[in-house]
Amino acid sequence: NRLIENLQTELQLKNQQLEEQSCELRQTKSELSFQQRQTEALLANESAMKRDQKDAAEKRICLESQLSRDESRS
């Protein structure tokens, strides 16, 4: 009888440990998912910034070209 009680107690402890580990794993998964979304947002922002820089450079080249044409006419 004592052996059964010891085994039941041991099983309860193991079950509690497994529940705690499961909770920790869910929390870690949630944190990783959040970090992944943050990384994706940062990459999207970086991509948008590069597009904006490219557009600005193209506009600058166009304006410089137009300015030099205007100066050569004067």
PDB file of N, CA and C in Angstrom:
ATOM      1  N   ASN A   1       0.827  -1.200   0.000  1.00  0.00           N
ATOM      2  CA  ASN A   1       0.000   0.000   0.000  1.00  0.00           C
ATOM      3  C   ASN A   1       0.872   1.265   0.000  1.00  0.00           C
ATOM      4  N   ARG A   2       1.900   1.219   0.802  1.00  0.00           N
ATOM      5  CA  ARG A   2       2.833   2.362   0.876  1.00  0.00           C
ATOM      6  C   ARG A   2       3.527   2.574  -0.470  1.00  0.00           C
ATOM      7  N   LEU A   3       3.842   1.483  -1.112  1.00  0.00           N
ATOM      8  CA  LEU A   3       4.495   1.561  -2.421  1.00  0.00           C
ATOM      9  C   LEU A   3       3.578   2.250  -3.432  1.00  0.00           C
ATOM     10  N   ILE A   4       2.298   1.908  -3.396  1.00  0.00           N
ATOM     11  CA  ILE A   4       1.330   2.523  -4.308  1.00  0.00           C
ATOM     12  C   ILE A   4       1.234   4.018  -4.035  1.00  0.00           C
ATOM     13  N   GLU A   5       1.198   4.397  -2.758  1.00  0.00           N
ATOM     14  CA  GLU A   5       1.134   5.822  -2.407  1.00  0.00           C
ATOM     15  C   GLU A   5       2.377   6.555  -2.904  1.00  0.00           C
ATOM     16  N   ASN A   6       3.538   5.937  -2.733  1.00  0.00           N
ATOM     17  CA  ASN A   6       4.783   6.551  -3.206  1.00  0.00           C
ATOM     18  C   ASN A   6       4.768   6.727  -4.726  1.00  0.00           C
ATOM     19  N   LEU A   7       4.288   5.699  -5.410  1.00  0.00           N
ATOM     20  CA  LEU A   7       4.210   5.775  -6.868  1.00  0.00           C
ATOM     21  C   LEU A   7       3.226   6.859  -7.314  1.00  0.00           C
ATOM     22  N   GLN A   8       2.102   6.959  -6.614  1.00  0.00           N
ATOM     23  CA  GLN A   8       1.119   7.993  -6.957  1.00  0.00           C
ATOM     24  C   GLN A   8       1.704   9.390  -6.732  1.00  0.00           C
ATOM     25  N   THR A   9       2.408   9.553  -5.624  1.00  0.00           N
ATOM     26  CA  THR A   9       3.045  10.843  -5.335  1.00  0.00           C
ATOM     27  C   THR A   9       4.079  11.172  -6.401  1.00  0.00           C
ATOM     28  N   GLU A  10       4.864  10.171  -6.762  1.00  0.00           N
ATOM     29  CA  GLU A  10       5.883  10.374  -7.795  1.00  0.00           C
ATOM     30  C   GLU A  10       5.237  10.737  -9.138  1.00  0.00           C
ATOM     31  N   LEU A  11       4.149  10.062  -9.465  1.00  0.00           N
ATOM     32  CA  LEU A  11       3.433  10.374 -10.707  1.00  0.00           C
ATOM     33  C   LEU A  11       2.866  11.786 -10.685  1.00  0.00           C
ATOM     34  N   GLN A  12       2.340  12.196  -9.545  1.00  0.00           N
ATOM     35  CA  GLN A  12       1.810  13.558  -9.429  1.00  0.00           C
ATOM     36  C   GLN A  12       2.915  14.593  -9.631  1.00  0.00           C
ATOM     37  N   LEU A  13       4.080  14.334  -9.053  1.00  0.00           N
ATOM     38  CA  LEU A  13       5.210  15.251  -9.219  1.00  0.00           C
ATOM     39  C   LEU A  13       5.651  15.316 -10.678  1.00  0.00           C
ATOM     40  N   LYS A  14       5.744  14.148 -11.293  1.00  0.00           N
ATOM     41  CA  LYS A  14       6.142  14.107 -12.708  1.00  0.00           C
ATOM     42  C   LYS A  14       5.119  14.851 -13.570  1.00  0.00           C
ATOM     43  N   ASN A  15       3.841  14.640 -13.271  1.00  0.00           N
ATOM     44  CA  ASN A  15       2.781  15.304 -14.018  1.00  0.00           C
ATOM     45  C   ASN A  15       2.875  16.826 -13.858  1.00  0.00           C
ATOM     46  N   GLN A  16       3.143  17.261 -12.637  1.00  0.00           N
ATOM     47  CA  GLN A  16       3.291  18.694 -12.377  1.00  0.00           C
ATOM     48  C   GLN A  16       4.493  19.257 -13.144  1.00  0.00           C
ATOM     49  N   GLN A  17       5.593  18.509 -13.139  1.00  0.00           N
ATOM     50  CA  GLN A  17       6.782  18.949 -13.881  1.00  0.00           C
ATOM     51  C   GLN A  17       6.482  19.062 -15.373  1.00  0.00           C
ATOM     52  N   LEU A  18       5.764  18.076 -15.894  1.00  0.00           N
ATOM     53  CA  LEU A  18       5.413  18.103 -17.319  1.00  0.00           C
ATOM     54  C   LEU A  18       4.504  19.284 -17.645  1.00  0.00           C
ATOM     55  N   GLU A  19       3.561  19.576 -16.763  1.00  0.00           N
ATOM     56  CA  GLU A  19       2.679  20.724 -16.981  1.00  0.00           C
ATOM     57  C   GLU A  19       3.477  22.024 -16.977  1.00  0.00           C
ATOM     58  N   GLU A  20       4.433  22.140 -16.054  1.00  0.00           N
ATOM     59  CA  GLU A  20       5.272  23.339 -15.992  1.00  0.00           C
ATOM     60  C   GLU A  20       6.120  23.470 -17.258  1.00  0.00           C
ATOM     61  N   GLN A  21       6.694  22.350 -17.700  1.00  0.00           N
ATOM     62  CA  GLN A  21       7.501  22.379 -18.922  1.00  0.00           C
ATOM     63  C   GLN A  21       6.648  22.743 -20.133  1.00  0.00           C
ATOM     64  N   SER A  22       5.439  22.216 -20.167  1.00  0.00           N
ATOM     65  CA  SER A  22       4.531  22.519 -21.268  1.00  0.00           C
ATOM     66  C   SER A  22       4.205  24.011 -21.288  1.00  0.00           C
ATOM     67  N   CYS A  23       3.974  24.570 -20.113  1.00  0.00           N
ATOM     68  CA  CYS A  23       3.697  26.001 -20.003  1.00  0.00           C
ATOM     69  C   CYS A  23       4.904  26.815 -20.471  1.00  0.00           C
ATOM     70  N   GLU A  24       6.096  26.417 -20.047  1.00  0.00           N
ATOM     71  CA  GLU A  24       7.321  27.110 -20.459  1.00  0.00           C
ATOM     72  C   GLU A  24       7.506  27.029 -21.976  1.00  0.00           C
ATOM     73  N   LEU A  25       7.217  25.868 -22.548  1.00  0.00           N
ATOM     74  CA  LEU A  25       7.348  25.703 -23.999  1.00  0.00           C
ATOM     75  C   LEU A  25       6.363  26.592 -24.753  1.00  0.00           C
ATOM     76  N   ARG A  26       5.120  26.669 -24.247  1.00  0.00           N
ATOM     77  CA  ARG A  26       4.133  27.550 -24.888  1.00  0.00           C
ATOM     78  C   ARG A  26       4.589  29.003 -24.827  1.00  0.00           C
ATOM     79  N   GLN A  27       5.147  29.397 -23.679  1.00  0.00           N
ATOM     80  CA  GLN A  27       5.629  30.771 -23.526  1.00  0.00           C
ATOM     81  C   GLN A  27       6.794  31.038 -24.483  1.00  0.00           C
ATOM     82  N   THR A  28       7.719  30.094 -24.566  1.00  0.00           N
ATOM     83  CA  THR A  28       8.862  30.244 -25.470  1.00  0.00           C
ATOM     84  C   THR A  28       8.388  30.325 -26.919  1.00  0.00           C
ATOM     85  N   LYS A  29       7.432  29.474 -27.278  1.00  0.00           N
ATOM     86  CA  LYS A  29       6.889  29.486 -28.640  1.00  0.00           C
ATOM     87  C   LYS A  29       6.241  30.836 -28.937  1.00  0.00           C
ATOM     88  N   SER A  30       5.514  31.355 -27.968  1.00  0.00           N
ATOM     89  CA  SER A  30       4.862  32.655 -28.137  1.00  0.00           C
ATOM     90  C   SER A  30       5.897  33.763 -28.317  1.00  0.00           C
ATOM     91  N   GLU A  31       6.965  33.714 -27.512  1.00  0.00           N
ATOM     92  CA  GLU A  31       8.030  34.718 -27.620  1.00  0.00           C
ATOM     93  C   GLU A  31       8.727  34.631 -28.974  1.00  0.00           C
ATOM     94  N   LEU A  32       8.993  33.415 -29.432  1.00  0.00           N
ATOM     95  CA  LEU A  32       9.644  33.237 -30.733  1.00  0.00           C
ATOM     96  C   LEU A  32       8.752  33.731 -31.864  1.00  0.00           C
ATOM     97  N   SER A  33       7.461  33.475 -31.745  1.00  0.00           N
ATOM     98  CA  SER A  33       6.519  33.936 -32.756  1.00  0.00           C
ATOM     99  C   SER A  33       6.504  35.464 -32.802  1.00  0.00           C
ATOM    100  N   PHE A  34       6.518  36.091 -31.624  1.00  0.00           N
ATOM    101  CA  PHE A  34       6.560  37.555 -31.555  1.00  0.00           C
ATOM    102  C   PHE A  34       7.846  38.082 -32.186  1.00  0.00           C
ATOM    103  N   GLN A  35       8.968  37.448 -31.856  1.00  0.00           N
ATOM    104  CA  GLN A  35      10.253  37.872 -32.425  1.00  0.00           C
ATOM    105  C   GLN A  35      10.258  37.703 -33.944  1.00  0.00           C
ATOM    106  N   GLN A  36       9.642  36.636 -34.426  1.00  0.00           N
ATOM    107  CA  GLN A  36       9.580  36.415 -35.873  1.00  0.00           C
ATOM    108  C   GLN A  36       8.764  37.520 -36.543  1.00  0.00           C
ATOM    109  N   ARG A  37       7.622  37.879 -35.929  1.00  0.00           N
ATOM    110  CA  ARG A  37       6.806  38.964 -36.500  1.00  0.00           C
ATOM    111  C   ARG A  37       7.573  40.281 -36.483  1.00  0.00           C
ATOM    112  N   GLN A  38       8.318  40.529 -35.408  1.00  0.00           N
ATOM    113  CA  GLN A  38       9.128  41.751 -35.337  1.00  0.00           C
ATOM    114  C   GLN A  38      10.185  41.763 -36.439  1.00  0.00           C
ATOM    115  N   THR A  39      10.844  40.635 -36.627  1.00  0.00           N
ATOM    116  CA  THR A  39      11.884  40.531 -37.656  1.00  0.00           C
ATOM    117  C   THR A  39      11.292  40.764 -39.042  1.00  0.00           C
ATOM    118  N   GLU A  40      10.132  40.159 -39.298  1.00  0.00           N
ATOM    119  CA  GLU A  40       9.482  40.350 -40.597  1.00  0.00           C
ATOM    120  C   GLU A  40       9.113  41.814 -40.814  1.00  0.00           C
ATOM    121  N   ALA A  41       8.640  42.481 -39.754  1.00  0.00           N
ATOM    122  CA  ALA A  41       8.287  43.902 -39.866  1.00  0.00           C
ATOM    123  C   ALA A  41       9.532  44.741 -40.131  1.00  0.00           C
ATOM    124  N   LEU A  42      10.624  44.419 -39.447  1.00  0.00           N
ATOM    125  CA  LEU A  42      11.870  45.161 -39.667  1.00  0.00           C
ATOM    126  C   LEU A  42      12.380  44.974 -41.093  1.00  0.00           C
ATOM    127  N   LEU A  43      12.293  43.760 -41.596  1.00  0.00           N
ATOM    128  CA  LEU A  43      12.728  43.499 -42.973  1.00  0.00           C
ATOM    129  C   LEU A  43      11.856  44.248 -43.977  1.00  0.00           C
ATOM    130  N   ALA A  44      10.558  44.301 -43.702  1.00  0.00           N
ATOM    131  CA  ALA A  44       9.657  45.042 -44.594  1.00  0.00           C
ATOM    132  C   ALA A  44       9.993  46.531 -44.560  1.00  0.00           C
ATOM    133  N   ASN A  45      10.273  47.055 -43.364  1.00  0.00           N
ATOM    134  CA  ASN A  45      10.657  48.468 -43.244  1.00  0.00           C
ATOM    135  C   ASN A  45      11.957  48.743 -43.987  1.00  0.00           C
ATOM    136  N   GLU A  46      12.908  47.838 -43.840  1.00  0.00           N
ATOM    137  CA  GLU A  46      14.196  48.008 -44.518  1.00  0.00           C
ATOM    138  C   GLU A  46      14.000  48.015 -46.038  1.00  0.00           C
ATOM    139  N   SER A  47      13.164  47.116 -46.513  1.00  0.00           N
ATOM    140  CA  SER A  47      12.884  47.040 -47.946  1.00  0.00           C
ATOM    141  C   SER A  47      12.224  48.336 -48.432  1.00  0.00           C
ATOM    142  N   ALA A  48      11.277  48.846 -47.664  1.00  0.00           N
ATOM    143  CA  ALA A  48      10.606  50.100 -48.035  1.00  0.00           C
ATOM    144  C   ALA A  48      11.597  51.260 -48.035  1.00  0.00           C
ATOM    145  N   MET A  49      12.489  51.277 -47.046  1.00  0.00           N
ATOM    146  CA  MET A  49      13.506  52.336 -46.990  1.00  0.00           C
ATOM    147  C   MET A  49      14.406  52.290 -48.219  1.00  0.00           C
ATOM    148  N   LYS A  50      14.809  51.097 -48.615  1.00  0.00           N
ATOM    149  CA  LYS A  50      15.675  50.960 -49.793  1.00  0.00           C
ATOM    150  C   LYS A  50      14.956  51.433 -51.053  1.00  0.00           C
ATOM    151  N   ARG A  51      13.658  51.103 -51.156  1.00  0.00           N
ATOM    152  CA  ARG A  51      12.879  51.583 -52.306  1.00  0.00           C
ATOM    153  C   ARG A  51      12.815  53.108 -52.307  1.00  0.00           C
ATOM    154  N   ASP A  52      12.567  53.686 -51.125  1.00  0.00           N
ATOM    155  CA  ASP A  52      12.504  55.150 -51.019  1.00  0.00           C
ATOM    156  C   ASP A  52      13.839  55.784 -51.392  1.00  0.00           C
ATOM    157  N   GLN A  53      14.939  55.182 -50.935  1.00  0.00           N
ATOM    158  CA  GLN A  53      16.265  55.714 -51.268  1.00  0.00           C
ATOM    159  C   GLN A  53      16.508  55.644 -52.774  1.00  0.00           C
ATOM    160  N   LYS A  54      16.108  54.540 -53.372  1.00  0.00           N
ATOM    161  CA  LYS A  54      16.283  54.375 -54.823  1.00  0.00           C
ATOM    162  C   LYS A  54      15.457  55.422 -55.572  1.00  0.00           C
ATOM    163  N   ASP A  55      14.196  55.601 -55.142  1.00  0.00           N
ATOM    164  CA  ASP A  55      13.338  56.604 -55.782  1.00  0.00           C
ATOM    165  C   ASP A  55      13.931  58.001 -55.638  1.00  0.00           C
ATOM    166  N   ALA A  56      14.432  58.314 -54.441  1.00  0.00           N
ATOM    167  CA  ALA A  56      15.018  59.635 -54.200  1.00  0.00           C
ATOM    168  C   ALA A  56      16.253  59.843 -55.073  1.00  0.00           C
ATOM    169  N   ALA A  57      17.073  58.813 -55.212  1.00  0.00           N
ATOM    170  CA  ALA A  57      18.279  58.919 -56.042  1.00  0.00           C
ATOM    171  C   ALA A  57      17.897  59.132 -57.507  1.00  0.00           C
ATOM    172  N   GLU A  58      16.882  58.410 -57.967  1.00  0.00           N
ATOM    173  CA  GLU A  58      16.435  58.582 -59.356  1.00  0.00           C
ATOM    174  C   GLU A  58      15.891  59.993 -59.586  1.00  0.00           C
ATOM    175  N   LYS A  59      15.125  60.512 -58.625  1.00  0.00           N
ATOM    176  CA  LYS A  59      14.595  61.878 -58.751  1.00  0.00           C
ATOM    177  C   LYS A  59      15.727  62.899 -58.753  1.00  0.00           C
ATOM    178  N   ARG A  60      16.712  62.680 -57.882  1.00  0.00           N
ATOM    179  CA  ARG A  60      17.852  63.604 -57.820  1.00  0.00           C
ATOM    180  C   ARG A  60      18.593  63.638 -59.157  1.00  0.00           C
ATOM    181  N   ILE A  61      18.831  62.467 -59.719  1.00  0.00           N
ATOM    182  CA  ILE A  61      19.523  62.384 -61.015  1.00  0.00           C
ATOM    183  C   ILE A  61      18.712  63.114 -62.084  1.00  0.00           C
ATOM    184  N   CYS A  62      17.412  62.903 -62.073  1.00  0.00           N
ATOM    185  CA  CYS A  62      16.535  63.552 -63.046  1.00  0.00           C
ATOM    186  C   CYS A  62      16.583  65.072 -62.876  1.00  0.00           C
ATOM    187  N   LEU A  63      16.506  65.547 -61.623  1.00  0.00           N
ATOM    188  CA  LEU A  63      16.546  66.993 -61.367  1.00  0.00           C
ATOM    189  C   LEU A  63      17.897  67.589 -61.739  1.00  0.00           C
ATOM    190  N   GLU A  64      18.975  66.869 -61.418  1.00  0.00           N
ATOM    191  CA  GLU A  64      20.311  67.366 -61.773  1.00  0.00           C
ATOM    192  C   GLU A  64      20.462  67.457 -63.290  1.00  0.00           C
ATOM    193  N   SER A  65      19.932  66.471 -63.982  1.00  0.00           N
ATOM    194  CA  SER A  65      19.998  66.468 -65.442  1.00  0.00           C
ATOM    195  C   SER A  65      19.201  67.645 -66.008  1.00  0.00           C
ATOM    196  N   GLN A  66      18.016  67.860 -65.453  1.00  0.00           N
ATOM    197  CA  GLN A  66      17.173  68.971 -65.904  1.00  0.00           C
ATOM    198  C   GLN A  66      17.853  70.309 -65.611  1.00  0.00           C
ATOM    199  N   LEU A  67      18.464  70.428 -64.433  1.00  0.00           N
ATOM    200  CA  LEU A  67      19.153  71.662 -64.049  1.00  0.00           C
ATOM    201  C   LEU A  67      20.320  71.938 -64.986  1.00  0.00           C
ATOM    202  N   SER A  68      21.071  70.901 -65.322  1.00  0.00           N
ATOM    203  CA  SER A  68      22.221  71.118 -66.207  1.00  0.00           C
ATOM    204  C   SER A  68      21.754  71.499 -67.617  1.00  0.00           C
ATOM    205  N   ARG A  69      20.621  70.936 -68.054  1.00  0.00           N
ATOM    206  CA  ARG A  69      20.072  71.338 -69.364  1.00  0.00           C
ATOM    207  C   ARG A  69      19.625  72.799 -69.331  1.00  0.00           C
ATOM    208  N   ASP A  70      18.970  73.182 -68.225  1.00  0.00           N
ATOM    209  CA  ASP A  70      18.515  74.573 -68.087  1.00  0.00           C
ATOM    210  C   ASP A  70      19.694  75.534 -68.056  1.00  0.00           C
ATOM    211  N   GLU A  71      20.763  75.139 -67.363  1.00  0.00           N
ATOM    212  CA  GLU A  71      21.947  76.009 -67.274  1.00  0.00           C
ATOM    213  C   GLU A  71      22.630  76.138 -68.632  1.00  0.00           C
ATOM    214  N   SER A  72      22.618  75.069 -69.405  1.00  0.00           N
ATOM    215  CA  SER A  72      23.286  75.126 -70.715  1.00  0.00           C
ATOM    216  C   SER A  72      22.490  75.987 -71.700  1.00  0.00           C
ATOM    217  N   ARG A  73      21.201  76.136 -71.478  1.00  0.00           N
ATOM    218  CA  ARG A  73      20.374  76.985 -72.342  1.00  0.00           C
ATOM    219  C   ARG A  73      20.586  78.464 -72.038  1.00  0.00           C
ATOM    220  N   SER A  74      20.963  78.758 -70.793  1.00  0.00           N
ATOM    221  CA  SER A  74      21.102  80.169 -70.386  1.00  0.00           C
ATOM    222  C   SER A  74      22.339  80.816 -70.943  1.00  0.00           C
TER     223      SER A  74
END
